[in-house]
Protein backbone atom coordinates (compact mmCIF):
# COMPACT_ATOMS: atom_id res chain seq x y z
CA MET A 1 -41.35 49.00 -17.06
CA SER A 2 -41.62 47.24 -20.31
CA ARG A 3 -39.58 44.30 -21.29
CA VAL A 4 -37.55 46.28 -23.76
CA ALA A 5 -36.82 48.94 -21.20
CA CYS A 6 -35.71 46.31 -18.68
CA ARG A 7 -33.40 44.80 -21.24
CA ARG A 8 -31.92 48.19 -22.10
CA PHE A 9 -31.49 49.02 -18.45
CA LEU A 10 -29.80 45.67 -17.83
CA LEU A 11 -27.58 46.13 -20.89
CA VAL A 12 -26.56 49.62 -19.77
CA CYS A 13 -25.76 48.35 -16.23
CA CYS A 14 -23.63 45.50 -17.60
CA ALA A 15 -21.80 47.82 -19.94
CA PHE A 16 -21.20 50.26 -17.13
CA ALA A 17 -19.92 47.46 -14.84
CA LEU A 18 -17.63 46.14 -17.54
CA GLY A 19 -16.38 49.62 -18.29
CA VAL A 20 -15.60 50.32 -14.67
CA SER A 21 -13.87 47.01 -14.03
CA ALA A 22 -12.01 46.57 -17.32
CA CYS A 23 -10.95 50.08 -18.02
CA SER A 24 -8.51 51.71 -15.74
CA ARG A 25 -6.84 54.98 -16.35
CA LYS A 26 -3.55 53.51 -15.02
CA SER A 27 -1.18 51.72 -17.32
CA ALA A 28 0.29 48.34 -16.43
CA GLU A 29 3.57 50.08 -15.56
CA GLU A 30 1.80 52.43 -13.16
CA LYS A 31 0.01 49.52 -11.52
CA GLY A 32 3.35 47.71 -11.14
CA VAL A 33 4.95 50.77 -9.57
CA GLU A 34 2.03 51.05 -7.15
CA MET A 35 2.33 47.38 -6.14
CA ALA A 36 6.11 47.63 -5.74
CA THR A 37 5.76 50.77 -3.62
CA GLU A 38 3.30 48.97 -1.36
CA LYS A 39 5.76 46.07 -0.94
CA LEU A 40 8.65 48.44 -0.26
CA ASP A 41 6.60 50.22 2.39
CA MET A 42 5.97 46.82 4.03
CA ALA A 43 9.69 46.08 3.93
CA LYS A 44 10.44 49.48 5.48
CA GLY A 45 7.98 48.73 8.26
CA ILE A 46 9.61 45.35 8.88
CA GLY A 47 13.00 47.02 8.88
CA SER A 48 11.87 49.58 11.46
CA ALA A 49 10.47 46.85 13.69
CA LEU A 50 13.73 44.90 13.39
CA GLU A 51 15.72 48.00 14.31
CA GLN A 52 13.69 48.33 17.47
CA LYS A 53 13.58 44.64 18.35
CA GLY A 54 16.66 43.58 16.42
CA SER A 55 19.22 44.03 19.15
CA ASP A 56 17.27 41.71 21.43
CA ALA A 57 16.84 39.19 18.62
CA ALA A 58 20.50 39.44 17.60
CA GLU A 59 21.58 38.87 21.19
CA SER A 60 19.33 35.83 21.42
CA ILE A 61 20.58 34.45 18.11
CA THR A 62 24.21 35.08 19.07
CA THR A 63 23.72 33.30 22.38
CA GLY A 64 22.13 30.36 20.58
CA VAL A 65 24.93 30.16 18.02
CA GLY A 66 27.50 30.44 20.81
CA ASN A 67 25.88 27.51 22.61
CA VAL A 68 25.92 25.45 19.41
CA VAL A 69 29.63 26.20 18.88
CA LYS A 70 30.43 25.31 22.50
CA GLY A 71 28.46 22.09 22.10
CA ILE A 72 30.32 21.20 18.93
CA GLY A 73 33.64 21.92 20.64
CA LYS A 74 32.72 19.69 23.57
CA GLY A 75 31.58 16.96 21.19
CA VAL A 76 34.85 17.10 19.28
CA GLU A 77 36.83 17.11 22.50
CA LYS A 78 34.85 14.12 23.79
CA SER A 79 35.17 12.17 20.55
CA GLY A 80 38.68 13.46 19.87
CA ARG A 81 41.25 11.65 17.84
CA THR A 82 42.16 8.10 18.65
CA ILE A 83 45.60 7.82 20.23
CA ALA A 84 47.57 4.67 19.47
CA VAL A 85 50.92 4.03 21.17
CA LYS A 86 53.59 1.46 20.41
CA ASP A 87 55.19 -0.53 23.25
CA SER A 88 58.28 1.68 22.96
CA ILE A 89 56.30 4.59 24.47
CA ALA A 90 55.56 2.69 27.70
CA ARG A 91 59.11 1.27 27.85
CA ALA A 92 60.46 4.83 27.74
CA GLY A 93 58.18 5.77 30.65
CA LEU A 94 56.00 8.00 28.45
CA LYS A 95 52.25 8.49 28.20
CA ILE A 96 50.32 10.44 25.56
CA THR A 97 46.99 11.64 26.97
CA LYS A 98 45.68 14.22 24.48
CA VAL A 99 46.16 15.31 20.87
CA GLN A 100 44.87 18.62 19.53
CA ASP A 101 45.43 21.05 16.65
CA ALA A 102 48.53 23.20 17.14
CA SER A 103 48.00 26.45 19.04
CA PRO A 104 49.50 29.77 17.97
CA ALA A 105 52.99 30.39 19.33
CA THR A 106 53.71 33.39 21.57
CA ASP A 107 55.00 35.28 18.52
CA GLY A 108 51.66 34.70 16.76
CA THR A 109 52.89 32.09 14.29
CA THR A 110 51.16 28.74 14.06
CA VAL A 111 52.81 25.49 13.12
CA HIS A 112 50.71 23.39 10.74
CA GLY A 113 50.33 20.28 12.79
CA LEU A 114 49.24 18.83 16.08
CA GLU A 115 50.21 19.05 19.71
CA ALA A 116 50.43 16.02 21.98
CA TYR A 117 50.36 16.14 25.75
CA VAL A 118 53.26 13.93 26.86
CA ILE A 119 53.73 12.78 30.45
CA SER A 120 57.07 11.33 31.42
CA ASP A 121 57.68 8.98 34.36
CA ALA A 122 61.39 8.66 33.50
CA ASP A 123 64.21 10.49 31.74
CA ALA A 124 63.82 10.02 28.00
CA ARG A 125 65.89 11.30 25.08
CA GLY A 126 65.20 10.39 21.49
CA LYS A 127 62.78 10.81 18.61
CA LEU A 128 59.03 10.73 18.87
CA ARG A 129 57.72 9.25 15.62
CA VAL A 130 54.14 10.27 14.81
CA ILE A 131 51.88 8.88 12.08
CA ALA A 132 48.48 10.39 11.23
CA TYR A 133 45.65 8.24 9.84
CA ASP A 134 42.28 9.12 8.33
CA VAL A 135 38.92 7.50 9.15
CA LEU A 136 39.70 4.66 6.73
CA ASP A 137 42.89 3.96 8.70
CA LYS A 138 45.04 5.12 5.78
CA GLU A 139 48.27 6.95 6.57
CA ILE A 140 48.01 10.62 5.60
CA GLY A 141 50.98 12.18 7.40
CA ARG A 142 54.18 11.43 9.26
CA ALA A 143 56.58 13.41 11.46
CA LYS A 144 59.58 12.92 13.76
CA VAL A 145 60.20 15.18 16.71
CA ASP A 146 63.19 15.36 19.05
CA LEU A 147 62.06 14.66 22.59
CA VAL A 148 63.95 15.23 25.81
CA THR A 149 62.03 14.75 29.05
CA GLY A 150 62.89 14.33 32.68
CA LEU A 151 61.36 12.40 35.53
CA ASP A 152 57.84 13.66 36.37
CA ASP A 153 57.80 15.98 33.35
CA ALA A 154 54.67 16.83 31.37
CA ARG A 155 54.11 19.24 28.47
CA TYR A 156 52.63 19.73 25.05
CA VAL A 157 54.94 18.69 22.23
CA SER A 158 54.49 20.36 18.84
CA ILE A 159 54.26 17.95 15.90
CA PRO A 160 54.63 19.71 12.53
CA PHE A 161 53.11 18.07 9.45
CA ASP A 162 53.43 18.90 5.76
CA ALA A 163 51.01 21.63 4.68
CA GLN A 164 49.18 19.10 2.49
CA VAL A 165 48.01 17.10 5.52
CA LYS A 166 44.41 18.08 6.21
CA LEU A 167 44.26 18.16 9.99
CA ASP A 168 40.45 17.85 9.92
CA SER A 169 40.94 14.43 8.30
CA VAL A 170 43.17 13.08 11.08
CA ALA A 171 41.13 10.48 12.98
CA LYS A 172 43.94 8.51 14.62
CA VAL A 173 47.46 9.41 15.69
CA GLU A 174 50.05 6.71 16.35
CA PHE A 175 53.14 7.33 18.49
CA ASP A 176 56.44 5.44 18.57
CA PHE A 177 59.62 6.34 20.47
CA VAL A 178 63.18 5.66 19.34
CA ALA A 179 65.72 6.34 22.08
CA ASP A 180 68.98 8.05 21.13
CA SER A 181 71.79 5.51 20.96
CA ALA A 182 73.92 7.74 23.21
CA ALA A 183 71.14 7.92 25.78
CA ALA A 184 70.54 4.17 25.56
CA SER A 185 74.19 3.33 26.10
CA LYS A 186 74.43 5.74 29.07
CA GLY A 187 71.38 4.05 30.61
CA SER A 188 73.00 0.61 30.36
CA ASN A 189 76.26 1.66 32.09
């Protein structure tokens, strides 16, 4: 082949290659639809696989989340809120061993506040004064509760706080006891 023929042949091949690669009968919109359809088919396939394997995966995830929640609950219970008691608590024969968020009542209502587990080694009648503090040891809530206990008595005492008190912010709870004057005078007779 002559040089001119080789050049023509090469030119024709290049033109043909460019024509094939650059020119497509599909518009950009059609190409986009084709690509999106391919991606949707992949998503459908993933969805089908998840349907088949999903229940096992969901059970595993749920178990893992449940363990995390249990762990957090145990951590909170271990760290708990600090309980501070004034001397008046011991003089009245009382002990406070646990403080927790208020539980729902039997009628389904919940008091916004805390519950304290109070153990009594003596008869006591008076007011339990409770002050809530945040992590900076700043007072954030206060309540007074009537308390009547007998010898060897123990129970949870509900301590209502104003709705504005954020119970999550309560880091320390301080207890004080003020005996009723009638009960105090009976005890001294």
